[in-house]
N, C-alpha and C. Protein backbone atom coordinates (compact mmCIF):
# COMPACT_ATOMS: atom_id res chain seq x y z
N MET A 1 114.67 117.06 76.70
CA MET A 1 114.50 115.96 77.07
C MET A 1 113.24 116.18 78.02
N THR A 2 112.85 114.84 78.20
CA THR A 2 111.64 114.61 78.80
C THR A 2 112.01 113.66 80.02
N VAL A 3 111.07 113.57 81.22
CA VAL A 3 111.51 113.37 82.26
C VAL A 3 110.49 112.29 83.03
N VAL A 4 110.82 110.86 82.58
CA VAL A 4 109.42 109.84 83.17
C VAL A 4 109.67 109.47 84.41
N ARG A 5 108.70 109.09 85.21
CA ARG A 5 109.01 108.37 86.13
C ARG A 5 107.65 106.84 86.28
N LEU A 6 108.30 105.88 85.95
CA LEU A 6 108.03 105.17 86.07
C LEU A 6 107.35 104.32 87.18
N PHE A 7 105.83 103.70 87.37
CA PHE A 7 105.38 102.66 88.35
C PHE A 7 105.27 101.63 87.81
N ASN A 8 106.08 100.98 89.20
CA ASN A 8 105.93 99.43 89.11
C ASN A 8 105.68 98.71 87.79
N THR A 9 106.66 98.89 86.95
CA THR A 9 106.76 97.74 85.69
C THR A 9 106.65 96.63 86.24
N THR A 10 106.23 95.79 85.34
CA THR A 10 106.46 93.78 85.18
C THR A 10 106.15 93.41 84.42
N GLY A 11 106.78 92.35 83.98
CA GLY A 11 106.61 91.38 83.14
C GLY A 11 107.40 90.16 83.41
N PRO A 12 107.68 89.51 81.90
CA PRO A 12 108.18 88.28 82.24
C PRO A 12 109.57 88.57 82.01
N ARG A 13 110.34 87.49 82.78
CA ARG A 13 112.03 87.88 82.75
C ARG A 13 112.06 88.86 83.98
N GLN A 14 111.38 89.12 84.81
CA GLN A 14 111.91 90.37 85.71
C GLN A 14 112.33 89.40 87.29
N SER A 15 113.45 90.02 87.60
CA SER A 15 113.16 89.08 88.72
C SER A 15 112.28 89.12 89.96
N GLY A 16 112.54 88.59 90.87
CA GLY A 16 111.45 88.70 91.96
C GLY A 16 112.89 89.02 93.18
N ALA A 17 113.97 89.69 92.85
CA ALA A 17 114.83 90.12 93.79
C ALA A 17 114.40 91.94 93.62
N TYR A 18 114.87 92.11 95.06
CA TYR A 18 115.14 93.44 95.16
C TYR A 18 113.03 94.02 95.30
N GLY A 19 112.34 93.74 95.99
CA GLY A 19 111.03 93.89 95.94
C GLY A 19 110.48 93.60 95.10
N MET A 20 110.43 92.80 93.92
CA MET A 20 109.80 93.11 93.14
C MET A 20 108.50 91.74 93.34
N VAL A 21 107.54 92.60 93.53
CA VAL A 21 106.60 91.76 94.46
C VAL A 21 105.65 90.54 93.03
N VAL A 22 105.23 90.99 92.14
CA VAL A 22 104.33 90.08 91.50
C VAL A 22 105.07 88.81 90.82
N PRO A 23 106.44 89.24 90.66
CA PRO A 23 107.29 88.04 90.00
C PRO A 23 107.15 86.98 91.33
N ARG A 24 107.59 87.94 92.04
CA ARG A 24 108.11 87.00 93.52
C ARG A 24 106.98 86.11 94.15
N PHE A 25 105.50 86.42 93.64
CA PHE A 25 104.96 86.20 94.03
C PHE A 25 104.58 84.82 93.24
N VAL A 26 104.31 85.04 92.03
CA VAL A 26 103.93 84.10 91.17
C VAL A 26 105.08 82.70 90.85
N ARG A 27 106.41 83.07 91.65
CA ARG A 27 107.43 81.93 91.90
C ARG A 27 107.09 81.29 93.22
N GLN A 28 106.89 81.82 94.01
CA GLN A 28 105.89 81.34 95.26
C GLN A 28 105.05 80.52 94.71
N ALA A 29 104.45 80.94 94.43
CA ALA A 29 102.67 80.25 93.85
C ALA A 29 103.12 78.89 93.13
N LEU A 30 103.93 79.01 91.96
CA LEU A 30 104.25 78.02 91.46
C LEU A 30 105.00 76.81 91.77
N GLU A 31 106.01 77.15 93.00
CA GLU A 31 106.72 76.17 93.88
C GLU A 31 105.98 75.63 95.04
N THR A 32 104.47 76.14 95.01
CA THR A 32 103.49 76.09 96.10
C THR A 32 104.29 76.09 97.17
N ARG A 33 104.87 77.23 97.16
CA ARG A 33 105.66 78.33 98.24
C ARG A 33 104.68 79.00 99.41
N PRO A 34 104.77 79.32 100.53
CA PRO A 34 103.95 80.74 100.90
C PRO A 34 104.27 82.05 100.21
N LEU A 35 103.24 82.46 100.20
CA LEU A 35 103.50 84.28 98.80
C LEU A 35 103.46 85.01 100.70
N THR A 36 104.45 85.17 100.62
CA THR A 36 105.08 86.55 101.49
C THR A 36 104.40 87.85 101.54
N VAL A 37 103.81 88.50 101.95
CA VAL A 37 103.25 89.48 101.73
C VAL A 37 103.69 90.29 103.14
N PHE A 38 104.12 91.90 103.05
CA PHE A 38 105.15 92.15 103.88
C PHE A 38 104.27 93.24 104.33
N GLY A 39 104.46 93.20 106.00
CA GLY A 39 102.78 94.95 106.09
C GLY A 39 102.16 93.85 106.82
N ASP A 40 100.99 94.58 106.67
CA ASP A 40 99.42 94.47 106.30
C ASP A 40 98.30 93.78 105.60
N GLY A 41 99.09 93.82 104.16
CA GLY A 41 98.14 93.87 103.03
C GLY A 41 97.98 94.61 102.28
N ARG A 42 97.22 95.48 103.10
CA ARG A 42 96.29 96.77 102.89
C ARG A 42 97.04 97.49 101.61
N GLN A 43 98.49 97.50 101.47
CA GLN A 43 99.03 99.02 101.05
C GLN A 43 98.91 98.99 99.28
N LEU A 44 98.11 100.16 98.77
CA LEU A 44 97.58 99.72 97.43
C LEU A 44 99.05 100.20 96.47
N ARG A 45 98.71 99.50 95.13
CA ARG A 45 99.44 99.24 94.19
C ARG A 45 99.39 99.44 92.87
N CYS A 46 99.87 99.77 91.94
CA CYS A 46 99.73 99.60 90.88
C CYS A 46 100.48 99.32 89.79
N PHE A 47 100.46 98.24 88.98
CA PHE A 47 101.37 97.38 87.99
C PHE A 47 101.17 97.75 86.95
N THR A 48 102.55 98.07 85.86
CA THR A 48 102.24 98.23 84.79
C THR A 48 102.97 97.51 83.26
N ASN A 49 102.46 96.90 83.00
CA ASN A 49 102.64 95.64 81.89
C ASN A 49 104.23 96.59 81.12
N VAL A 50 105.41 95.49 81.06
CA VAL A 50 106.35 96.05 80.01
C VAL A 50 106.15 96.54 79.05
N SER A 51 105.31 95.93 78.60
CA SER A 51 105.14 96.72 76.75
C SER A 51 104.11 97.83 76.85
N ASP A 52 103.50 97.87 77.61
CA ASP A 52 102.89 99.17 77.93
C ASP A 52 103.98 100.51 78.18
N VAL A 53 104.60 100.23 78.67
CA VAL A 53 106.14 101.12 79.55
C VAL A 53 106.79 101.09 78.11
N VAL A 54 107.33 100.22 77.26
CA VAL A 54 107.79 100.56 76.19
C VAL A 54 107.21 101.57 75.16
N ALA A 55 105.70 100.99 75.09
CA ALA A 55 105.14 101.95 73.63
C ALA A 55 104.77 103.37 74.25
N ALA A 56 104.84 103.41 75.46
CA ALA A 56 104.54 104.99 76.20
C ALA A 56 105.49 105.72 75.73
N LEU A 57 107.27 105.40 76.34
CA LEU A 57 108.43 105.47 75.97
C LEU A 57 108.51 106.21 74.63
N MET A 58 108.07 105.41 73.71
CA MET A 58 108.18 105.29 72.12
C MET A 58 107.43 106.60 71.97
N ALA A 59 106.27 106.57 72.01
CA ALA A 59 105.19 107.51 71.68
C ALA A 59 105.81 109.13 72.26
N LEU A 60 106.35 109.06 73.74
CA LEU A 60 106.78 110.26 74.11
C LEU A 60 108.04 110.62 73.54
N SER A 61 108.95 109.57 73.07
CA SER A 61 109.63 110.55 72.38
C SER A 61 109.70 110.61 71.01
N ALA A 62 108.53 110.02 70.62
CA ALA A 62 108.83 110.64 68.93
C ALA A 62 107.14 112.26 68.55
N THR A 63 107.01 112.83 70.32
CA THR A 63 106.55 113.82 70.76
C THR A 63 107.09 115.16 71.28
N PRO A 64 107.50 116.28 70.15
CA PRO A 64 107.90 116.81 70.59
C PRO A 64 107.51 117.65 71.95
N GLU A 65 105.96 117.65 72.17
CA GLU A 65 105.52 118.69 72.84
C GLU A 65 106.13 117.91 74.34
N ALA A 66 106.08 116.64 74.33
CA ALA A 66 106.86 116.21 75.32
C ALA A 66 107.90 116.45 75.82
N ILE A 67 109.09 117.22 75.01
CA ILE A 67 110.11 117.89 75.28
C ILE A 67 109.93 119.18 76.94
N GLY A 68 110.67 118.82 77.83
CA GLY A 68 110.26 119.25 79.10
C GLY A 68 109.19 118.99 80.10
N GLU A 69 109.18 118.55 80.09
CA GLU A 69 107.87 117.82 80.27
C GLU A 69 107.97 116.14 81.53
N VAL A 70 107.77 116.27 82.85
CA VAL A 70 107.63 115.38 83.32
C VAL A 70 106.23 114.46 83.09
N VAL A 71 106.77 113.37 83.86
CA VAL A 71 105.95 112.35 82.36
C VAL A 71 105.42 111.19 83.24
N ASN A 72 104.72 111.03 83.95
CA ASN A 72 103.75 109.24 84.81
C ASN A 72 103.71 108.24 83.74
N ILE A 73 104.54 107.25 83.56
CA ILE A 73 104.16 106.50 82.52
C ILE A 73 103.33 105.03 84.02
N GLY A 74 102.24 104.70 84.05
CA GLY A 74 101.75 103.50 84.68
C GLY A 74 100.58 103.69 84.61
N ASN A 75 100.12 101.71 84.83
CA ASN A 75 98.60 101.75 84.62
C ASN A 75 97.79 102.45 85.92
N PRO A 76 97.20 102.67 86.20
CA PRO A 76 96.08 103.53 87.36
C PRO A 76 95.14 102.53 88.12
N ARG A 77 95.28 101.16 87.40
CA ARG A 77 94.51 100.55 88.83
C ARG A 77 94.94 100.26 89.64
N GLU A 78 94.54 100.23 90.82
CA GLU A 78 94.78 100.03 92.07
C GLU A 78 94.45 98.62 92.23
N ILE A 79 95.15 97.94 92.99
CA ILE A 79 95.22 96.42 93.58
C ILE A 79 96.06 96.13 95.40
N SER A 80 95.38 95.77 96.34
CA SER A 80 96.39 95.44 97.51
C SER A 80 96.98 94.55 97.42
N ILE A 81 98.29 94.56 98.07
CA ILE A 81 98.84 93.71 97.85
C ILE A 81 98.33 92.26 98.53
N SER A 82 97.21 92.22 99.44
CA SER A 82 96.74 90.80 99.79
C SER A 82 95.59 90.40 98.93
N ASP A 83 95.81 91.67 97.76
CA ASP A 83 94.82 91.04 97.18
C ASP A 83 95.56 90.40 96.06
N LEU A 84 96.30 91.13 95.72
CA LEU A 84 97.41 90.60 94.56
C LEU A 84 97.76 89.02 94.87
N ALA A 85 98.00 88.59 96.22
CA ALA A 85 98.40 87.41 96.41
C ALA A 85 97.70 86.61 96.16
N GLU A 86 96.30 86.71 96.34
CA GLU A 86 95.22 85.98 95.75
C GLU A 86 94.77 85.38 94.60
N LEU A 87 95.39 86.97 94.33
CA LEU A 87 94.83 86.67 92.62
C LEU A 87 95.83 85.83 91.95
N VAL A 88 97.53 85.87 92.37
CA VAL A 88 98.42 85.28 91.46
C VAL A 88 97.98 83.87 92.12
N ARG A 89 97.87 83.44 93.14
CA ARG A 89 96.99 81.96 94.16
C ARG A 89 95.90 81.81 92.86
N GLU A 90 95.23 82.37 92.26
CA GLU A 90 94.02 81.61 91.65
C GLU A 90 94.43 81.51 90.43
N MET A 91 95.19 82.46 89.92
CA MET A 91 95.83 82.54 88.13
C MET A 91 96.29 81.19 87.71
N VAL A 92 97.39 80.51 89.05
CA VAL A 92 98.22 79.84 88.75
C VAL A 92 97.50 78.46 89.50
N GLY A 93 96.36 78.40 89.62
CA GLY A 93 96.12 77.51 90.61
C GLY A 93 97.03 76.73 91.89
N SER A 94 97.40 77.78 92.27
CA SER A 94 98.10 77.28 93.48
C SER A 94 97.77 76.98 95.08
N ASP A 95 97.87 76.15 95.25
CA ASP A 95 97.41 75.83 97.13
C ASP A 95 98.20 76.47 98.31
N SER A 96 99.09 76.98 97.93
CA SER A 96 100.16 78.55 98.50
C SER A 96 99.37 78.71 100.07
N VAL A 97 99.86 78.89 100.71
CA VAL A 97 99.09 79.98 101.58
C VAL A 97 99.51 81.28 101.73
N ILE A 98 98.90 82.44 102.19
CA ILE A 98 99.30 83.61 102.11
C ILE A 98 99.92 83.83 103.73
N GLN A 99 101.10 84.41 103.91
CA GLN A 99 101.63 84.29 104.94
C GLN A 99 102.47 86.09 104.78
N PHE A 100 101.85 86.96 106.26
CA PHE A 100 102.14 87.73 106.73
C PHE A 100 103.09 88.07 107.37
N GLN A 101 104.23 89.56 107.34
CA GLN A 101 105.58 89.22 107.86
C GLN A 101 105.93 90.87 108.29
N GLY A 102 106.37 90.94 109.08
CA GLY A 102 106.34 92.72 109.81
C GLY A 102 107.67 93.62 108.87
N TYR A 103 107.47 94.44 108.29
CA TYR A 103 108.44 95.06 107.38
C TYR A 103 109.77 94.73 108.11
N GLU A 104 109.89 95.05 109.22
CA GLU A 104 111.09 94.72 110.23
C GLU A 104 112.25 93.14 109.37
N SER A 105 111.37 92.29 109.34
CA SER A 105 112.06 91.17 108.81
C SER A 105 112.65 91.17 107.35
N ALA A 106 112.15 91.87 107.04
CA ALA A 106 112.75 92.22 105.54
C ALA A 106 113.80 93.41 105.03
N TYR A 107 112.97 94.31 105.77
CA TYR A 107 114.11 96.01 105.53
C TYR A 107 114.63 96.91 106.75
N GLY A 108 114.15 95.55 107.96
CA GLY A 108 115.18 96.18 109.33
C GLY A 108 113.40 97.17 110.03
N CYS A 109 114.38 97.87 111.10
CA CYS A 109 114.14 98.64 112.14
C CYS A 109 113.49 99.94 111.33
N GLY A 110 112.36 100.49 111.42
CA GLY A 110 111.98 102.14 111.24
C GLY A 110 111.74 102.10 109.92
N PHE A 111 111.43 101.03 109.13
CA PHE A 111 110.63 101.07 107.78
C PHE A 111 109.54 101.92 107.80
N GLU A 112 109.21 102.53 106.60
CA GLU A 112 107.88 102.97 106.93
C GLU A 112 107.68 102.79 105.49
N ASP A 113 105.94 101.83 105.15
CA ASP A 113 105.81 101.95 103.54
C ASP A 113 104.57 103.06 103.09
N MET A 114 104.93 103.48 102.53
CA MET A 114 103.34 104.27 101.42
C MET A 114 102.02 103.82 101.44
N ARG A 115 101.06 103.67 102.10
CA ARG A 115 99.99 103.39 101.66
C ARG A 115 99.16 102.91 100.32
N ARG A 116 99.30 104.21 100.06
CA ARG A 116 98.61 103.90 98.43
C ARG A 116 99.82 104.77 97.37
N ARG A 117 100.25 104.35 96.15
CA ARG A 117 101.26 105.20 95.11
C ARG A 117 100.18 104.36 94.31
N VAL A 118 99.44 105.70 93.71
CA VAL A 118 98.90 105.29 92.07
C VAL A 118 99.14 106.65 91.15
N PRO A 119 99.94 105.98 90.04
CA PRO A 119 99.96 107.47 88.98
C PRO A 119 99.03 107.91 88.53
N ASP A 120 99.22 109.84 88.19
CA ASP A 120 98.39 110.63 87.86
C ASP A 120 98.73 110.37 85.97
N VAL A 121 98.39 109.66 85.59
CA VAL A 121 98.78 109.86 84.01
C VAL A 121 97.94 110.91 82.88
N GLY A 122 97.07 111.46 83.61
CA GLY A 122 96.67 112.44 82.37
C GLY A 122 97.80 112.92 81.56
N ARG A 123 98.95 113.77 82.28
CA ARG A 123 100.05 114.80 80.94
C ARG A 123 100.28 113.33 80.15
N LEU A 124 100.73 112.00 80.47
CA LEU A 124 100.58 111.25 79.49
C LEU A 124 99.80 111.04 78.79
N LYS A 125 98.39 110.87 78.91
CA LYS A 125 96.87 110.66 77.59
C LYS A 125 96.91 112.05 77.01
N GLU A 126 97.27 113.03 77.75
CA GLU A 126 97.23 114.45 77.05
C GLU A 126 98.32 114.61 75.58
N LEU A 127 99.65 113.80 76.36
CA LEU A 127 100.43 114.16 75.13
C LEU A 127 100.29 113.10 74.30
N VAL A 128 100.60 112.37 74.23
CA VAL A 128 100.68 111.24 73.61
C VAL A 128 99.14 110.11 73.17
N GLY A 129 97.68 110.38 74.10
CA GLY A 129 96.62 110.16 73.86
C GLY A 129 96.89 108.88 74.38
N PHE A 130 97.87 108.09 75.55
CA PHE A 130 97.97 106.70 75.78
C PHE A 130 98.13 106.61 77.01
N VAL A 131 97.31 105.38 77.29
CA VAL A 131 97.21 105.80 79.14
C VAL A 131 97.24 103.72 79.00
N PRO A 132 98.45 103.11 79.68
CA PRO A 132 99.01 101.39 79.36
C PRO A 132 97.26 101.11 80.97
N THR A 133 96.76 99.71 79.85
CA THR A 133 96.07 99.25 79.93
C THR A 133 95.69 97.80 79.79
N THR A 134 97.15 97.06 79.53
CA THR A 134 97.37 95.57 80.09
C THR A 134 97.03 95.38 81.29
N PRO A 135 95.53 94.47 81.31
CA PRO A 135 95.11 94.06 82.50
C PRO A 135 96.07 92.77 83.24
N LEU A 136 96.46 93.47 84.48
CA LEU A 136 97.41 93.08 85.13
C LEU A 136 97.05 91.14 85.30
N GLU A 137 96.13 90.69 84.59
CA GLU A 137 96.21 89.08 85.02
C GLU A 137 96.42 88.96 83.62
N THR A 138 96.50 89.74 82.82
CA THR A 138 97.42 88.91 81.29
C THR A 138 99.05 89.28 81.62
N THR A 139 99.81 90.35 82.47
CA THR A 139 100.49 90.20 83.02
C THR A 139 100.98 89.22 84.00
N ILE A 140 100.87 88.50 85.13
CA ILE A 140 100.34 87.62 85.27
C ILE A 140 100.55 86.25 84.93
N GLU A 141 100.06 85.84 83.87
CA GLU A 141 99.32 84.91 82.96
C GLU A 141 101.21 84.70 82.34
N GLU A 142 101.74 85.80 81.59
CA GLU A 142 102.99 86.21 81.18
C GLU A 142 104.32 85.87 81.67
N ILE A 143 104.58 86.19 82.94
CA ILE A 143 105.37 85.93 84.08
C ILE A 143 105.55 84.50 84.43
N ALA A 144 104.19 83.98 84.50
CA ALA A 144 103.80 82.67 84.99
C ALA A 144 104.28 81.63 83.69
N ALA A 145 103.99 81.93 82.59
CA ALA A 145 104.28 81.14 81.52
C ALA A 145 105.65 81.26 81.19
N ASP A 146 106.15 82.54 81.51
CA ASP A 146 107.95 82.36 81.54
C ASP A 146 108.39 81.48 82.88
N LEU A 147 108.12 81.56 83.71
CA LEU A 147 108.95 81.04 84.89
C LEU A 147 108.46 79.83 84.87
N ARG A 148 107.73 79.04 84.19
CA ARG A 148 107.18 77.98 83.62
C ARG A 148 108.25 77.00 83.17
N ARG A 149 108.10 77.79 81.74
CA ARG A 149 109.27 77.36 80.87
C ARG A 149 110.97 77.34 81.37
N CYS A 150 111.18 78.48 82.43
CA CYS A 150 112.56 78.11 82.81
C CYS A 150 112.32 77.19 83.74
N MET A 151 111.48 76.91 84.91
CA MET A 151 111.30 75.76 85.43
C MET A 151 111.98 74.74 84.69
N GLU A 152 111.11 74.52 84.25
CA GLU A 152 111.22 73.03 82.91
C GLU A 152 112.29 72.82 82.19
N THR A 153 113.26 73.97 82.00
CA THR A 153 114.58 73.96 81.44
C THR A 153 115.58 73.98 82.12
N GLY A 154 115.31 74.12 83.64
CA GLY A 154 116.14 74.16 84.44
C GLY A 154 117.15 75.92 84.59
N ILE A 155 116.60 76.95 83.56
CA ILE A 155 117.36 78.30 83.54
C ILE A 155 116.64 78.84 84.66
N GLU A 156 117.38 79.81 85.16
CA GLU A 156 117.35 80.37 85.95
C GLU A 156 115.74 82.19 85.03
N ALA A 157 114.77 82.45 85.52
CA ALA A 157 114.34 83.20 84.80
C ALA A 157 115.12 84.35 84.67
N GLY A 158 115.06 84.81 84.00
CA GLY A 158 115.69 86.21 83.72
C GLY A 158 117.34 86.09 83.22
N ILE A 159 118.33 85.53 83.98
CA ILE A 159 119.20 84.73 84.15
C ILE A 159 119.73 84.06 83.61
N GLU A 160 120.19 83.61 82.03
CA GLU A 160 121.15 82.67 82.19
C GLU A 160 121.84 82.46 82.71
N THR A 161 122.31 80.82 82.99
CA THR A 161 123.80 80.58 83.74
C THR A 161 124.86 80.64 82.04
N GLN A 162 126.14 81.03 82.44
CA GLN A 162 126.67 80.55 81.56
C GLN A 162 126.70 79.15 80.84
N SER A 163 126.79 78.38 81.46
CA SER A 163 126.82 77.00 80.81
C SER A 163 125.66 76.41 80.38
N ALA A 164 124.39 77.08 80.91
CA ALA A 164 123.07 76.81 79.84
C ALA A 164 122.84 77.56 78.60
N ALA A 165 123.54 79.11 78.41
CA ALA A 165 123.79 79.20 76.97
C ALA A 165 124.81 78.69 76.32
N VAL A 166 125.72 78.38 76.60
CA VAL A 166 126.77 77.29 76.03
C VAL A 166 126.05 76.38 75.33
N ALA A 167 125.51 75.62 76.15
CA ALA A 167 124.88 74.31 76.09
C ALA A 167 124.06 74.31 74.67
N ARG A 168 123.62 75.57 74.54
CA ARG A 168 122.24 75.99 73.72
C ARG A 168 122.66 76.28 72.05
């Protein structure tokens, strides 16, 4: 067995529910709604394209030396949440404003967030010679293309309604 720890995996067809910030920002920007940033926006995160995660998982599963190891899978490129919001606005050509809200409006009283969450991918590189490298910009483009397609067809991204599936 190999234990993997995934760091903010994102990509097309991902729901914006449950705090998945990249697809949520992209949808808000495409709909010209305010991009909602919780907290002060200075918290640092890293986002890994789902294709990179799958490649890393496959490489690890084929590597006997990975058995018994704990391995982080993530893209080590850091970005603040407020910079992410600005990047999404720019990439989709949106006039949306960036709106800051306190954590308590989303998570209730007493919520504390980590300021910085960055994976150390040294063991992944050591074991399989791989570090996720898909640029965040590519991931945003993929998510935006998928959401545009869904918006044009009236199908909710990542979740097809039964009637839409039957209609095809």
